[in-house]
Amino acid sequence: MMMLRRVFKLLAICIWLPLTGFFSFFVHIGGWGAIRRVTYCSRMWGRGFIKILNVKVKIIGDPDSFKGGMIVSNHMGYLDILVHGAIFPIRFTPKIDIKNWPILGWYLGISRPLWIDRRSKQKSIDAFEQIMDTMKHGIPLLVYPEGTSTDGENGIRTFKSTPFQAIAESDYPLLPIITYYEPMEDGLPVAWFGDMTLMPHLWRILGYKSINVEVHILHPIKAEGRSRKELAEYVHNLLEKEYWNIKKRQHEKVKMQDTALAF
């Protein structure tokens, strides 16, 4: 049964990718209007993927109330991109390394992402200017300031302050969100992190009947005079506190279910 599930999902992905890629290719050509349009293509792309993978997303909060600015989340791997892309019409900010990935790098490029290259000071300056321009045009940006993905078991890594500079130097809002995946029955993490190889992890993900994830949308924040480092620390502490509260509630929920089964 699990093998059939994997085969079915792979076939569905092989159909969905070229369909959305073909449509997005023509939509993405042009200026800021095209960038705005392609964010909605990315939303359609994400929604199709989570449907294929049977990722059940529970949203706590109102995503449609956020009209532009920067969205900040903890990060646990490529599933986050699908989930967040399905919820918000966003412009992605992936690492420049992904641009060279076979097929996927080209495909992601169609979404008109803002490629981040931290190895060059000049390119970091260029990225900052593009971030400001993107927010100026009312297009939400998605940023994972941990700088890498984690398993989420030990909380949230310290945020890199560079992405917060654009918020610190402007009046644009920042929307903090928490992404939390419920534990799987096999005890293995949904997260893709560390030295995990992509294909074996994806093969395991394809085998799951369903994946449950909660996305908690907190209140928007403005800099209010904070420096980028102060803002990064403030947002990190806010998300860290909320993340542990969510994990605590989940632990109590599982404990209650186990108690009920015992009786």
Foldseek 3Di string as FASTA:
>chain_A
DLVVLLVQLVVLCVVLLVVLLVVLLVLCPDPPNSLLVLLVSLLVSLVSNCVSLAAAEAEADDLVVQQFDEEEEAAFADNVSSVVSNRFSAAEEEEPVLCPDPPRNVSNVSSVHQYDYPVDPVSLVVSLVVNLVCRVSRHYYYDYQLNFHDLCPVFGHQGDLSVQQSLLPDFGKYKYKYKAKAADPVRDGLGDGDPDDPPVSVSVSSSDPYIYMYMYIDDIDGNVNPHSNRVSVVSRVVRRVVSVVVVVVSVVVVVVVVVVVVD
